Amino acid sequence: KEREFVAYINRYGTTDYADSVKGRFTISRDNAKNMVYLQMNSL
């Protein structure tokens, strides 16, 4: 399958999600640690 969008978080903290994961996944970032996370629930 083709690569598909899941989620993004912009430099201001605004997020967006694919309809297929809304309400289940959460993207977050920790700029001080140079880390980005994706919490996936109800998989």
PDB file of all heavy atoms in Angstrom:
ATOM      1  N   LYS A   1       0.825  -1.194   0.000  1.00  0.00           N
ATOM      2  CA  LYS A   1       0.000   0.000   0.000  1.00  0.00           C
ATOM      3  C   LYS A   1       0.863   1.249   0.000  1.00  0.00           C
ATOM      4  O   LYS A   1       2.036   1.213   0.370  1.00  0.00           O
ATOM      5  CB  LYS A   1      -0.929   0.028   1.218  1.00  0.00           C
ATOM      6  CG  LYS A   1      -1.908  -1.120   1.276  1.00  0.00           C
ATOM      7  CD  LYS A   1      -2.805  -1.034   2.495  1.00  0.00           C
ATOM      8  CE  LYS A   1      -3.701   0.184   2.458  1.00  0.00           C
ATOM      9  NZ  LYS A   1      -4.625   0.234   3.622  1.00  0.00           N
ATOM     10  N   GLU A   2       0.269   2.350  -0.425  1.00  0.00           N
ATOM     11  CA  GLU A   2       0.973   3.620  -0.410  1.00  0.00           C
ATOM     12  C   GLU A   2       1.091   4.151   1.004  1.00  0.00           C
ATOM     13  O   GLU A   2       0.294   3.834   1.884  1.00  0.00           O
ATOM     14  CB  GLU A   2       0.245   4.646  -1.280  1.00  0.00           C
ATOM     15  CG  GLU A   2       0.279   4.352  -2.759  1.00  0.00           C
ATOM     16  CD  GLU A   2      -0.290   5.495  -3.572  1.00  0.00           C
ATOM     17  OE1 GLU A   2      -0.134   6.660  -3.167  1.00  0.00           O
ATOM     18  OE2 GLU A   2      -0.889   5.215  -4.616  1.00  0.00           O
ATOM     19  N   ARG A   3       2.097   4.958   1.197  1.00  0.00           N
ATOM     20  CA  ARG A   3       2.267   5.634   2.465  1.00  0.00           C
ATOM     21  C   ARG A   3       1.086   6.575   2.712  1.00  0.00           C
ATOM     22  O   ARG A   3       0.657   7.291   1.810  1.00  0.00           O
ATOM     23  CB  ARG A   3       3.579   6.417   2.449  1.00  0.00           C
ATOM     24  CG  ARG A   3       4.002   7.002   3.773  1.00  0.00           C
ATOM     25  CD  ARG A   3       5.348   7.720   3.616  1.00  0.00           C
ATOM     26  NE  ARG A   3       6.379   6.812   3.154  1.00  0.00           N
ATOM     27  CZ  ARG A   3       7.574   7.213   2.724  1.00  0.00           C
ATOM     28  NH1 ARG A   3       7.882   8.503   2.689  1.00  0.00           N
ATOM     29  NH2 ARG A   3       8.463   6.316   2.327  1.00  0.00           N
ATOM     30  N   GLU A   4       0.555   6.572   3.920  1.00  0.00           N
ATOM     31  CA  GLU A   4      -0.581   7.410   4.223  1.00  0.00           C
ATOM     32  C   GLU A   4      -0.332   8.253   5.463  1.00  0.00           C
ATOM     33  O   GLU A   4       0.393   7.860   6.378  1.00  0.00           O
ATOM     34  CB  GLU A   4      -1.859   6.585   4.402  1.00  0.00           C
ATOM     35  CG  GLU A   4      -1.865   5.678   5.609  1.00  0.00           C
ATOM     36  CD  GLU A   4      -3.207   4.999   5.832  1.00  0.00           C
ATOM     37  OE1 GLU A   4      -4.218   5.434   5.230  1.00  0.00           O
ATOM     38  OE2 GLU A   4      -3.250   4.030   6.615  1.00  0.00           O
ATOM     39  N   PHE A   5      -0.970   9.394   5.477  1.00  0.00           N
ATOM     40  CA  PHE A   5      -0.855  10.335   6.578  1.00  0.00           C
ATOM     41  C   PHE A   5      -1.546   9.800   7.820  1.00  0.00           C
ATOM     42  O   PHE A   5      -2.631   9.221   7.740  1.00  0.00           O
ATOM     43  CB  PHE A   5      -1.476  11.665   6.162  1.00  0.00           C
ATOM     44  CG  PHE A   5      -1.688  12.637   7.283  1.00  0.00           C
ATOM     45  CD1 PHE A   5      -0.617  13.288   7.868  1.00  0.00           C
ATOM     46  CD2 PHE A   5      -2.963  12.913   7.749  1.00  0.00           C
ATOM     47  CE1 PHE A   5      -0.807  14.197   8.897  1.00  0.00           C
ATOM     48  CE2 PHE A   5      -3.169  13.814   8.772  1.00  0.00           C
ATOM     49  CZ  PHE A   5      -2.087  14.458   9.347  1.00  0.00           C
ATOM     50  N   VAL A   6      -0.917  10.012   8.964  1.00  0.00           N
ATOM     51  CA  VAL A   6      -1.501   9.649  10.243  1.00  0.00           C
ATOM     52  C   VAL A   6      -1.780  10.888  11.089  1.00  0.00           C
ATOM     53  O   VAL A   6      -2.909  11.105  11.538  1.00  0.00           O
ATOM     54  CB  VAL A   6      -0.599   8.676  11.022  1.00  0.00           C
ATOM     55  CG1 VAL A   6      -1.184   8.390  12.407  1.00  0.00           C
ATOM     56  CG2 VAL A   6      -0.410   7.387  10.238  1.00  0.00           C
ATOM     57  N   ALA A   7      -0.756  11.702  11.317  1.00  0.00           N
ATOM     58  CA  ALA A   7      -0.901  12.864  12.182  1.00  0.00           C
ATOM     59  C   ALA A   7       0.261  13.815  11.964  1.00  0.00           C
ATOM     60  O   ALA A   7       1.332  13.402  11.524  1.00  0.00           O
ATOM     61  CB  ALA A   7      -0.957  12.456  13.650  1.00  0.00           C
ATOM     62  N   TYR A   8       0.048  15.082  12.290  1.00  0.00           N
ATOM     63  CA  TYR A   8       1.153  16.015  12.356  1.00  0.00           C
ATOM     64  C   TYR A   8       0.979  16.956  13.530  1.00  0.00           C
ATOM     65  O   TYR A   8      -0.126  17.125  14.052  1.00  0.00           O
ATOM     66  CB  TYR A   8       1.356  16.808  11.048  1.00  0.00           C
ATOM     67  CG  TYR A   8       0.338  17.896  10.733  1.00  0.00           C
ATOM     68  CD1 TYR A   8       0.237  19.053  11.498  1.00  0.00           C
ATOM     69  CD2 TYR A   8      -0.484  17.778   9.612  1.00  0.00           C
ATOM     70  CE1 TYR A   8      -0.684  20.045  11.180  1.00  0.00           C
ATOM     71  CE2 TYR A   8      -1.396  18.764   9.286  1.00  0.00           C
ATOM     72  CZ  TYR A   8      -1.491  19.901  10.073  1.00  0.00           C
ATOM     73  OH  TYR A   8      -2.401  20.883   9.746  1.00  0.00           O
ATOM     74  N   ILE A   9       2.074  17.559  13.919  1.00  0.00           N
ATOM     75  CA  ILE A   9       2.064  18.645  14.898  1.00  0.00           C
ATOM     76  C   ILE A   9       2.989  19.721  14.358  1.00  0.00           C
ATOM     77  O   ILE A   9       4.137  19.456  14.029  1.00  0.00           O
ATOM     78  CB  ILE A   9       2.483  18.157  16.302  1.00  0.00           C
ATOM     79  CG1 ILE A   9       2.424  19.308  17.308  1.00  0.00           C
ATOM     80  CG2 ILE A   9       3.842  17.485  16.298  1.00  0.00           C
ATOM     81  CD1 ILE A   9       2.487  18.827  18.765  1.00  0.00           C
ATOM     82  N   ASN A  10       2.480  20.937  14.238  1.00  0.00           N
ATOM     83  CA  ASN A  10       3.303  21.983  13.681  1.00  0.00           C
ATOM     84  C   ASN A  10       4.163  22.639  14.754  1.00  0.00           C
ATOM     85  O   ASN A  10       4.116  22.264  15.926  1.00  0.00           O
ATOM     86  CB  ASN A  10       2.464  22.985  12.880  1.00  0.00           C
ATOM     87  CG  ASN A  10       1.622  23.923  13.739  1.00  0.00           C
ATOM     88  OD1 ASN A  10       1.734  23.969  14.964  1.00  0.00           O
ATOM     89  ND2 ASN A  10       0.755  24.687  13.081  1.00  0.00           N
ATOM     90  N   ARG A  11       4.942  23.620  14.350  1.00  0.00           N
ATOM     91  CA  ARG A  11       5.891  24.236  15.263  1.00  0.00           C
ATOM     92  C   ARG A  11       5.213  25.011  16.379  1.00  0.00           C
ATOM     93  O   ARG A  11       5.857  25.346  17.376  1.00  0.00           O
ATOM     94  CB  ARG A  11       6.854  25.136  14.498  1.00  0.00           C
ATOM     95  CG  ARG A  11       6.182  26.256  13.738  1.00  0.00           C
ATOM     96  CD  ARG A  11       7.169  26.972  12.841  1.00  0.00           C
ATOM     97  NE  ARG A  11       8.250  27.593  13.602  1.00  0.00           N
ATOM     98  CZ  ARG A  11       9.215  28.323  13.077  1.00  0.00           C
ATOM     99  NH1 ARG A  11       9.251  28.524  11.764  1.00  0.00           N
ATOM    100  NH2 ARG A  11      10.160  28.834  13.844  1.00  0.00           N
ATOM    101  N   TYR A  12       3.928  25.309  16.219  1.00  0.00           N
ATOM    102  CA  TYR A  12       3.179  26.032  17.239  1.00  0.00           C
ATOM    103  C   TYR A  12       2.367  25.109  18.137  1.00  0.00           C
ATOM    104  O   TYR A  12       1.721  25.576  19.077  1.00  0.00           O
ATOM    105  CB  TYR A  12       2.243  27.045  16.574  1.00  0.00           C
ATOM    106  CG  TYR A  12       2.930  27.894  15.548  1.00  0.00           C
ATOM    107  CD1 TYR A  12       2.661  27.738  14.192  1.00  0.00           C
ATOM    108  CD2 TYR A  12       3.864  28.851  15.925  1.00  0.00           C
ATOM    109  CE1 TYR A  12       3.305  28.512  13.242  1.00  0.00           C
ATOM    110  CE2 TYR A  12       4.512  29.625  14.984  1.00  0.00           C
ATOM    111  CZ  TYR A  12       4.227  29.453  13.642  1.00  0.00           C
ATOM    112  OH  TYR A  12       4.864  30.227  12.703  1.00  0.00           O
ATOM    113  N   GLY A  13       2.385  23.818  17.847  1.00  0.00           N
ATOM    114  CA  GLY A  13       1.644  22.866  18.644  1.00  0.00           C
ATOM    115  C   GLY A  13       0.287  22.483  18.092  1.00  0.00           C
ATOM    116  O   GLY A  13      -0.418  21.680  18.714  1.00  0.00           O
ATOM    117  N   THR A  14      -0.099  23.037  16.969  1.00  0.00           N
ATOM    118  CA  THR A  14      -1.350  22.659  16.339  1.00  0.00           C
ATOM    119  C   THR A  14      -1.231  21.264  15.746  1.00  0.00           C
ATOM    120  O   THR A  14      -0.236  20.944  15.102  1.00  0.00           O
ATOM    121  CB  THR A  14      -1.726  23.662  15.240  1.00  0.00           C
ATOM    122  OG1 THR A  14      -1.859  24.964  15.817  1.00  0.00           O
ATOM    123  CG2 THR A  14      -3.041  23.276  14.571  1.00  0.00           C
ATOM    124  N   THR A  15      -2.250  20.456  15.951  1.00  0.00           N
ATOM    125  CA  THR A  15      -2.221  19.075  15.485  1.00  0.00           C
ATOM    126  C   THR A  15      -3.328  18.797  14.490  1.00  0.00           C
ATOM    127  O   THR A  15      -4.336  19.509  14.434  1.00  0.00           O
ATOM    128  CB  THR A  15      -2.353  18.093  16.659  1.00  0.00           C
ATOM    129  OG1 THR A  15      -3.596  18.322  17.336  1.00  0.00           O
ATOM    130  CG2 THR A  15      -1.208  18.271  17.645  1.00  0.00           C
ATOM    131  N   ASP A  16      -3.143  17.762  13.721  1.00  0.00           N
ATOM    132  CA  ASP A  16      -4.166  17.276  12.818  1.00  0.00           C
ATOM    133  C   ASP A  16      -3.992  15.775  12.682  1.00  0.00           C
ATOM    134  O   ASP A  16      -2.876  15.253  12.845  1.00  0.00           O
ATOM    135  CB  ASP A  16      -4.077  17.954  11.456  1.00  0.00           C
ATOM    136  CG  ASP A  16      -5.325  17.757  10.609  1.00  0.00           C
ATOM    137  OD1 ASP A  16      -6.398  17.457  11.173  1.00  0.00           O
ATOM    138  OD2 ASP A  16      -5.247  17.904   9.373  1.00  0.00           O
ATOM    139  N   TYR A  17      -5.100  15.090  12.391  1.00  0.00           N
ATOM    140  CA  TYR A  17      -5.096  13.641  12.328  1.00  0.00           C
ATOM    141  C   TYR A  17      -5.882  13.155  11.130  1.00  0.00           C
ATOM    142  O   TYR A  17      -6.848  13.795  10.699  1.00  0.00           O
ATOM    143  CB  TYR A  17      -5.728  13.039  13.585  1.00  0.00           C
ATOM    144  CG  TYR A  17      -5.014  13.398  14.860  1.00  0.00           C
ATOM    145  CD1 TYR A  17      -5.351  14.547  15.566  1.00  0.00           C
ATOM    146  CD2 TYR A  17      -3.997  12.591  15.353  1.00  0.00           C
ATOM    147  CE1 TYR A  17      -4.691  14.886  16.735  1.00  0.00           C
ATOM    148  CE2 TYR A  17      -3.332  12.924  16.523  1.00  0.00           C
ATOM    149  CZ  TYR A  17      -3.685  14.069  17.209  1.00  0.00           C
ATOM    150  OH  TYR A  17      -3.021  14.400  18.366  1.00  0.00           O
ATOM    151  N   ALA A  18      -5.483  12.014  10.633  1.00  0.00           N
ATOM    152  CA  ALA A  18      -6.299  11.342   9.639  1.00  0.00           C
ATOM    153  C   ALA A  18      -7.618  10.917  10.277  1.00  0.00           C
ATOM    154  O   ALA A  18      -7.673  10.587  11.465  1.00  0.00           O
ATOM    155  CB  ALA A  18      -5.570  10.118   9.094  1.00  0.00           C
ATOM    156  N   ASP A  19      -8.676  10.935   9.490  1.00  0.00           N
ATOM    157  CA  ASP A  19      -9.980  10.551  10.019  1.00  0.00           C
ATOM    158  C   ASP A  19      -9.957   9.152  10.634  1.00  0.00           C
ATOM    159  O   ASP A  19     -10.658   8.885  11.611  1.00  0.00           O
ATOM    160  CB  ASP A  19     -11.033  10.602   8.912  1.00  0.00           C
ATOM    161  CG  ASP A  19     -11.383  12.013   8.500  1.00  0.00           C
ATOM    162  OD1 ASP A  19     -11.087  12.961   9.259  1.00  0.00           O
ATOM    163  OD2 ASP A  19     -11.964  12.179   7.414  1.00  0.00           O
ATOM    164  N   SER A  20      -9.152   8.282  10.078  1.00  0.00           N
ATOM    165  CA  SER A  20      -9.111   6.904  10.534  1.00  0.00           C
ATOM    166  C   SER A  20      -8.543   6.737  11.942  1.00  0.00           C
ATOM    167  O   SER A  20      -8.756   5.703  12.573  1.00  0.00           O
ATOM    168  CB  SER A  20      -8.302   6.047   9.556  1.00  0.00           C
ATOM    169  OG  SER A  20      -6.980   6.528   9.436  1.00  0.00           O
ATOM    170  N   VAL A  21      -7.827   7.751  12.439  1.00  0.00           N
ATOM    171  CA  VAL A  21      -7.209   7.633  13.758  1.00  0.00           C
ATOM    172  C   VAL A  21      -7.702   8.674  14.748  1.00  0.00           C
ATOM    173  O   VAL A  21      -7.314   8.629  15.922  1.00  0.00           O
ATOM    174  CB  VAL A  21      -5.668   7.691  13.671  1.00  0.00           C
ATOM    175  CG1 VAL A  21      -5.151   6.670  12.674  1.00  0.00           C
ATOM    176  CG2 VAL A  21      -5.187   9.092  13.313  1.00  0.00           C
ATOM    177  N   LYS A  22      -8.548   9.593  14.320  1.00  0.00           N
ATOM    178  CA  LYS A  22      -9.054  10.625  15.219  1.00  0.00           C
ATOM    179  C   LYS A  22      -9.761  10.001  16.411  1.00  0.00           C
ATOM    180  O   LYS A  22     -10.558   9.077  16.265  1.00  0.00           O
ATOM    181  CB  LYS A  22     -10.006  11.560  14.481  1.00  0.00           C
ATOM    182  CG  LYS A  22      -9.309  12.563  13.591  1.00  0.00           C
ATOM    183  CD  LYS A  22     -10.314  13.476  12.895  1.00  0.00           C
ATOM    184  CE  LYS A  22      -9.604  14.485  12.014  1.00  0.00           C
ATOM    185  NZ  LYS A  22     -10.558  15.326  11.259  1.00  0.00           N
ATOM    186  N   GLY A  23      -9.452  10.522  17.577  1.00  0.00           N
ATOM    187  CA  GLY A  23     -10.038  10.005  18.796  1.00  0.00           C
ATOM    188  C   GLY A  23      -9.293   8.840  19.392  1.00  0.00           C
ATOM    189  O   GLY A  23      -9.584   8.440  20.527  1.00  0.00           O
ATOM    190  N   ARG A  24      -8.346   8.282  18.660  1.00  0.00           N
ATOM    191  CA  ARG A  24      -7.581   7.135  19.137  1.00  0.00           C
ATOM    192  C   ARG A  24      -6.092   7.442  19.298  1.00  0.00           C
ATOM    193  O   ARG A  24      -5.455   6.918  20.209  1.00  0.00           O
ATOM    194  CB  ARG A  24      -7.743   5.947  18.191  1.00  0.00           C
ATOM    195  CG  ARG A  24      -9.184   5.478  18.034  1.00  0.00           C
ATOM    196  CD  ARG A  24      -9.256   4.166  17.262  1.00  0.00           C
ATOM    197  NE  ARG A  24      -8.770   4.306  15.892  1.00  0.00           N
ATOM    198  CZ  ARG A  24      -7.753   3.611  15.378  1.00  0.00           C
ATOM    199  NH1 ARG A  24      -7.116   2.708  16.119  1.00  0.00           N
ATOM    200  NH2 ARG A  24      -7.383   3.792  14.118  1.00  0.00           N
ATOM    201  N   PHE A  25      -5.553   8.253  18.407  1.00  0.00           N
ATOM    202  CA  PHE A  25      -4.123   8.561  18.408  1.00  0.00           C
ATOM    203  C   PHE A  25      -3.893   9.994  18.867  1.00  0.00           C
ATOM    204  O   PHE A  25      -4.709  10.884  18.603  1.00  0.00           O
ATOM    205  CB  PHE A  25      -3.527   8.405  17.010  1.00  0.00           C
ATOM    206  CG  PHE A  25      -3.445   6.999  16.486  1.00  0.00           C
ATOM    207  CD1 PHE A  25      -4.060   5.938  17.132  1.00  0.00           C
ATOM    208  CD2 PHE A  25      -2.732   6.747  15.324  1.00  0.00           C
ATOM    209  CE1 PHE A  25      -3.988   4.650  16.638  1.00  0.00           C
ATOM    210  CE2 PHE A  25      -2.643   5.463  14.820  1.00  0.00           C
ATOM    211  CZ  PHE A  25      -3.269   4.412  15.472  1.00  0.00           C
ATOM    212  N   THR A  26      -2.759  10.222  19.514  1.00  0.00           N
ATOM    213  CA  THR A  26      -2.365  11.556  19.935  1.00  0.00           C
ATOM    214  C   THR A  26      -0.900  11.774  19.609  1.00  0.00           C
ATOM    215  O   THR A  26      -0.043  10.991  20.021  1.00  0.00           O
ATOM    216  CB  THR A  26      -2.581  11.766  21.437  1.00  0.00           C
ATOM    217  OG1 THR A  26      -3.949  11.529  21.778  1.00  0.00           O
ATOM    218  CG2 THR A  26      -2.221  13.196  21.827  1.00  0.00           C
ATOM    219  N   ILE A  27      -0.617  12.831  18.869  1.00  0.00           N
ATOM    220  CA  ILE A  27       0.758  13.202  18.570  1.00  0.00           C
ATOM    221  C   ILE A  27       1.196  14.287  19.546  1.00  0.00           C
ATOM    222  O   ILE A  27       0.411  15.167  19.916  1.00  0.00           O
ATOM    223  CB  ILE A  27       0.908  13.672  17.108  1.00  0.00           C
ATOM    224  CG1 ILE A  27       2.385  13.879  16.745  1.00  0.00           C
ATOM    225  CG2 ILE A  27       0.093  14.928  16.833  1.00  0.00           C
ATOM    226  CD1 ILE A  27       2.617  14.141  15.256  1.00  0.00           C
ATOM    227  N   SER A  28       2.438  14.219  19.974  1.00  0.00           N
ATOM    228  CA  SER A  28       2.980  15.227  20.863  1.00  0.00           C
ATOM    229  C   SER A  28       4.458  15.404  20.563  1.00  0.00           C
ATOM    230  O   SER A  28       5.070  14.582  19.875  1.00  0.00           O
ATOM    231  CB  SER A  28       2.763  14.854  22.337  1.00  0.00           C
ATOM    232  OG  SER A  28       3.412  13.630  22.651  1.00  0.00           O
ATOM    233  N   ARG A  29       5.012  16.484  21.075  1.00  0.00           N
ATOM    234  CA  ARG A  29       6.426  16.731  20.860  1.00  0.00           C
ATOM    235  C   ARG A  29       7.054  17.316  22.109  1.00  0.00           C
ATOM    236  O   ARG A  29       6.402  18.008  22.892  1.00  0.00           O
ATOM    237  CB  ARG A  29       6.645  17.655  19.655  1.00  0.00           C
ATOM    238  CG  ARG A  29       6.119  19.077  19.830  1.00  0.00           C
ATOM    239  CD  ARG A  29       6.075  19.825  18.496  1.00  0.00           C
ATOM    240  NE  ARG A  29       7.388  19.913  17.867  1.00  0.00           N
ATOM    241  CZ  ARG A  29       7.588  20.233  16.597  1.00  0.00           C
ATOM    242  NH1 ARG A  29       6.553  20.495  15.795  1.00  0.00           N
ATOM    243  NH2 ARG A  29       8.821  20.297  16.115  1.00  0.00           N
ATOM    244  N   ASP A  30       8.325  17.025  22.285  1.00  0.00           N
ATOM    245  CA  ASP A  30       9.114  17.578  23.362  1.00  0.00           C
ATOM    246  C   ASP A  30      10.353  18.160  22.704  1.00  0.00           C
ATOM    247  O   ASP A  30      11.325  17.453  22.449  1.00  0.00           O
ATOM    248  CB  ASP A  30       9.477  16.515  24.392  1.00  0.00           C
ATOM    249  CG  ASP A  30      10.185  17.084  25.603  1.00  0.00           C
ATOM    250  OD1 ASP A  30      10.772  18.174  25.512  1.00  0.00           O
ATOM    251  OD2 ASP A  30      10.158  16.424  26.667  1.00  0.00           O
ATOM    252  N   ASN A  31      10.298  19.436  22.414  1.00  0.00           N
ATOM    253  CA  ASN A  31      11.383  20.064  21.671  1.00  0.00           C
ATOM    254  C   ASN A  31      12.699  20.060  22.443  1.00  0.00           C
ATOM    255  O   ASN A  31      13.770  19.957  21.847  1.00  0.00           O
ATOM    256  CB  ASN A  31      11.001  21.495  21.298  1.00  0.00           C
ATOM    257  CG  ASN A  31       9.906  21.555  20.262  1.00  0.00           C
ATOM    258  OD1 ASN A  31       9.636  20.581  19.561  1.00  0.00           O
ATOM    259  ND2 ASN A  31       9.253  22.706  20.163  1.00  0.00           N
ATOM    260  N   ALA A  32      12.626  20.171  23.769  1.00  0.00           N
ATOM    261  CA  ALA A  32      13.833  20.167  24.586  1.00  0.00           C
ATOM    262  C   ALA A  32      14.582  18.851  24.473  1.00  0.00           C
ATOM    263  O   ALA A  32      15.804  18.815  24.598  1.00  0.00           O
ATOM    264  CB  ALA A  32      13.492  20.461  26.039  1.00  0.00           C
ATOM    265  N   LYS A  33      13.855  17.765  24.252  1.00  0.00           N
ATOM    266  CA  LYS A  33      14.459  16.448  24.116  1.00  0.00           C
ATOM    267  C   LYS A  33      14.620  16.019  22.663  1.00  0.00           C
ATOM    268  O   LYS A  33      15.120  14.922  22.404  1.00  0.00           O
ATOM    269  CB  LYS A  33      13.629  15.400  24.859  1.00  0.00           C
ATOM    270  CG  LYS A  33      13.584  15.587  26.359  1.00  0.00           C
ATOM    271  CD  LYS A  33      12.770  14.481  27.017  1.00  0.00           C
ATOM    272  CE  LYS A  33      12.752  14.625  28.521  1.00  0.00           C
ATOM    273  NZ  LYS A  33      11.941  13.560  29.166  1.00  0.00           N
ATOM    274  N   ASN A  34      14.191  16.853  21.749  1.00  0.00           N
ATOM    275  CA  ASN A  34      14.213  16.502  20.327  1.00  0.00           C
ATOM    276  C   ASN A  34      13.465  15.194  20.073  1.00  0.00           C
ATOM    277  O   ASN A  34      13.941  14.306  19.358  1.00  0.00           O
ATOM    278  CB  ASN A  34      15.640  16.405  19.809  1.00  0.00           C
ATOM    279  CG  ASN A  34      16.083  17.642  19.057  1.00  0.00           C
ATOM    280  OD1 ASN A  34      15.389  18.647  19.010  1.00  0.00           O
ATOM    281  ND2 ASN A  34      17.264  17.565  18.456  1.00  0.00           N
ATOM    282  N   MET A  35      12.276  15.097  20.651  1.00  0.00           N
ATOM    283  CA  MET A  35      11.483  13.882  20.547  1.00  0.00           C
ATOM    284  C   MET A  35      10.071  14.196  20.077  1.00  0.00           C
ATOM    285  O   MET A  35       9.509  15.245  20.407  1.00  0.00           O
ATOM    286  CB  MET A  35      11.409  13.169  21.898  1.00  0.00           C
ATOM    287  CG  MET A  35      12.735  12.668  22.426  1.00  0.00           C
ATOM    288  SD  MET A  35      13.355  11.238  21.503  1.00  0.00           S
ATOM    289  CE  MET A  35      12.173   9.981  21.999  1.00  0.00           C
ATOM    290  N   VAL A  36       9.515  13.279  19.338  1.00  0.00           N
ATOM    291  CA  VAL A  36       8.123  13.312  18.923  1.00  0.00           C
ATOM    292  C   VAL A  36       7.516  11.960  19.248  1.00  0.00           C
ATOM    293  O   VAL A  36       8.178  10.930  19.105  1.00  0.00           O
ATOM    294  CB  VAL A  36       7.987  13.621  17.423  1.00  0.00           C
ATOM    295  CG1 VAL A  36       6.527  13.691  17.016  1.00  0.00           C
ATOM    296  CG2 VAL A  36       8.682  14.930  17.083  1.00  0.00           C
ATOM    297  N   TYR A  37       6.260  11.967  19.661  1.00  0.00           N
ATOM    298  CA  TYR A  37       5.611  10.741  20.099  1.00  0.00           C
ATOM    299  C   TYR A  37       4.279  10.556  19.386  1.00  0.00           C
ATOM    300  O   TYR A  37       3.641  11.515  18.957  1.00  0.00           O
ATOM    301  CB  TYR A  37       5.355  10.772  21.604  1.00  0.00           C
ATOM    302  CG  TYR A  37       6.577  11.078  22.422  1.00  0.00           C
ATOM    303  CD1 TYR A  37       6.835  12.367  22.866  1.00  0.00           C
ATOM    304  CD2 TYR A  37       7.481  10.076  22.751  1.00  0.00           C
ATOM    305  CE1 TYR A  37       7.963  12.653  23.618  1.00  0.00           C
ATOM    306  CE2 TYR A  37       8.612  10.351  23.495  1.00  0.00           C
ATOM    307  CZ  TYR A  37       8.845  11.634  23.929  1.00  0.00           C
ATOM    308  OH  TYR A  37       9.965  11.911  24.668  1.00  0.00           O
ATOM    309  N   LEU A  38       3.881   9.320  19.294  1.00  0.00           N
ATOM    310  CA  LEU A  38       2.537   8.999  18.839  1.00  0.00           C
ATOM    311  C   LEU A  38       1.959   7.978  19.809  1.00  0.00           C
ATOM    312  O   LEU A  38       2.412   6.831  19.845  1.00  0.00           O
ATOM    313  CB  LEU A  38       2.538   8.445  17.417  1.00  0.00           C
ATOM    314  CG  LEU A  38       1.153   8.218  16.804  1.00  0.00           C
ATOM    315  CD1 LEU A  38       0.448   9.553  16.550  1.00  0.00           C
ATOM    316  CD2 LEU A  38       1.250   7.416  15.512  1.00  0.00           C
ATOM    317  N   GLN A  39       0.992   8.423  20.588  1.00  0.00           N
ATOM    318  CA  GLN A  39       0.276   7.533  21.488  1.00  0.00           C
ATOM    319  C   GLN A  39      -0.882   6.928  20.724  1.00  0.00           C
ATOM    320  O   GLN A  39      -1.729   7.649  20.202  1.00  0.00           O
ATOM    321  CB  GLN A  39      -0.234   8.292  22.708  1.00  0.00           C
ATOM    322  CG  GLN A  39      -1.050   7.450  23.678  1.00  0.00           C
ATOM    323  CD  GLN A  39      -0.228   6.391  24.366  1.00  0.00           C
ATOM    324  OE1 GLN A  39       0.865   6.674  24.855  1.00  0.00           O
ATOM    325  NE2 GLN A  39      -0.739   5.168  24.405  1.00  0.00           N
ATOM    326  N   MET A  40      -0.921   5.615  20.653  1.00  0.00           N
ATOM    327  CA  MET A  40      -1.931   4.907  19.884  1.00  0.00           C
ATOM    328  C   MET A  40      -2.769   4.067  20.832  1.00  0.00           C
ATOM    329  O   MET A  40      -2.253   3.150  21.471  1.00  0.00           O
ATOM    330  CB  MET A  40      -1.281   4.030  18.816  1.00  0.00           C
ATOM    331  CG  MET A  40      -0.409   4.810  17.842  1.00  0.00           C
ATOM    332  SD  MET A  40       0.341   3.754  16.575  1.00  0.00           S
ATOM    333  CE  MET A  40       1.535   2.873  17.589  1.00  0.00           C
ATOM    334  N   ASN A  41      -4.042   4.387  20.909  1.00  0.00           N
ATOM    335  CA  ASN A  41      -4.973   3.664  21.756  1.00  0.00           C
ATOM    336  C   ASN A  41      -6.032   2.985  20.899  1.00  0.00           C
ATOM    337  O   ASN A  41      -6.235   3.334  19.739  1.00  0.00           O
ATOM    338  CB  ASN A  41      -5.651   4.613  22.748  1.00  0.00           C
ATOM    339  CG  ASN A  41      -4.680   5.289  23.681  1.00  0.00           C
ATOM    340  OD1 ASN A  41      -3.679   4.702  24.088  1.00  0.00           O
ATOM    341  ND2 ASN A  41      -4.970   6.538  24.036  1.00  0.00           N
ATOM    342  N   SER A  42      -6.718   2.040  21.498  1.00  0.00           N
ATOM    343  CA  SER A  42      -7.796   1.318  20.813  1.00  0.00           C
ATOM    344  C   SER A  42      -7.355   0.829  19.444  1.00  0.00           C
ATOM    345  O   SER A  42      -8.040   1.012  18.437  1.00  0.00           O
ATOM    346  CB  SER A  42      -9.036   2.213  20.690  1.00  0.00           C
ATOM    347  OG  SER A  42      -9.487   2.641  21.958  1.00  0.00           O
ATOM    348  N   LEU A  43      -6.213   0.197  19.419  1.00  0.00           N
ATOM    349  CA  LEU A  43      -5.625  -0.221  18.151  1.00  0.00           C
ATOM    350  C   LEU A  43      -6.468  -1.279  17.457  1.00  0.00           C
ATOM    351  O   LEU A  43      -7.083  -2.129  18.104  1.00  0.00           O
ATOM    352  CB  LEU A  43      -4.211  -0.735  18.373  1.00  0.00           C
ATOM    353  CG  LEU A  43      -3.173   0.370  18.558  1.00  0.00           C
ATOM    354  CD1 LEU A  43      -1.920  -0.175  19.220  1.00  0.00           C
ATOM    355  CD2 LEU A  43      -2.835   1.013  17.220  1.00  0.00           C
TER     356      LEU A  43
END
